Amino acid sequence: MITIDGTAYDIPIVSLKRTAAFLDRYANRTEDGGLARKLIGVYFNYSLTLGGSDSTTAYDAVWNKLSEPTEFHTVIVPSDDSTYTFTAYFANVGDNLKKRKDGKNHWTGLTVDFTAKSPARTP
């Protein structure tokens, strides 16, 4: 289950990929070929794919949250044996139309990238 801004969304998780991005204040080659580097920290970023839902209302709610024009959100995702809470911005939100039934569109394959605002780990 994914929680965004205090609301839990009960849409099946198909895939949740996490990456650890190492961001530097600077990384420059020295005259002798070595590397001078000042690490800012390690940022945990996630790529999420959700499945479909029988409830178009629930699915539309998560779509509307992910496409909301807000700079940052508080996200809670599964991590190790517990959960991880962080502030992120959303990018690359998309999905696929599965079918149209009884006058309603049913979507699936909802994807989003969560990019961390602050480092999870610092030197």
Foldseek 3Di string as FASTA:
>chain_A
DKDKQRRDQPFAWPDKDKDWDWDWPDWDQDPVRDIDTHTFAIWIKIKTWTFWDPDPVSVVVVVCVLPPPDAKIWMWDDDDPRIDIAIWHKDDWDWAFDDADPNDTTITGTIIMTTGPHHPGGD
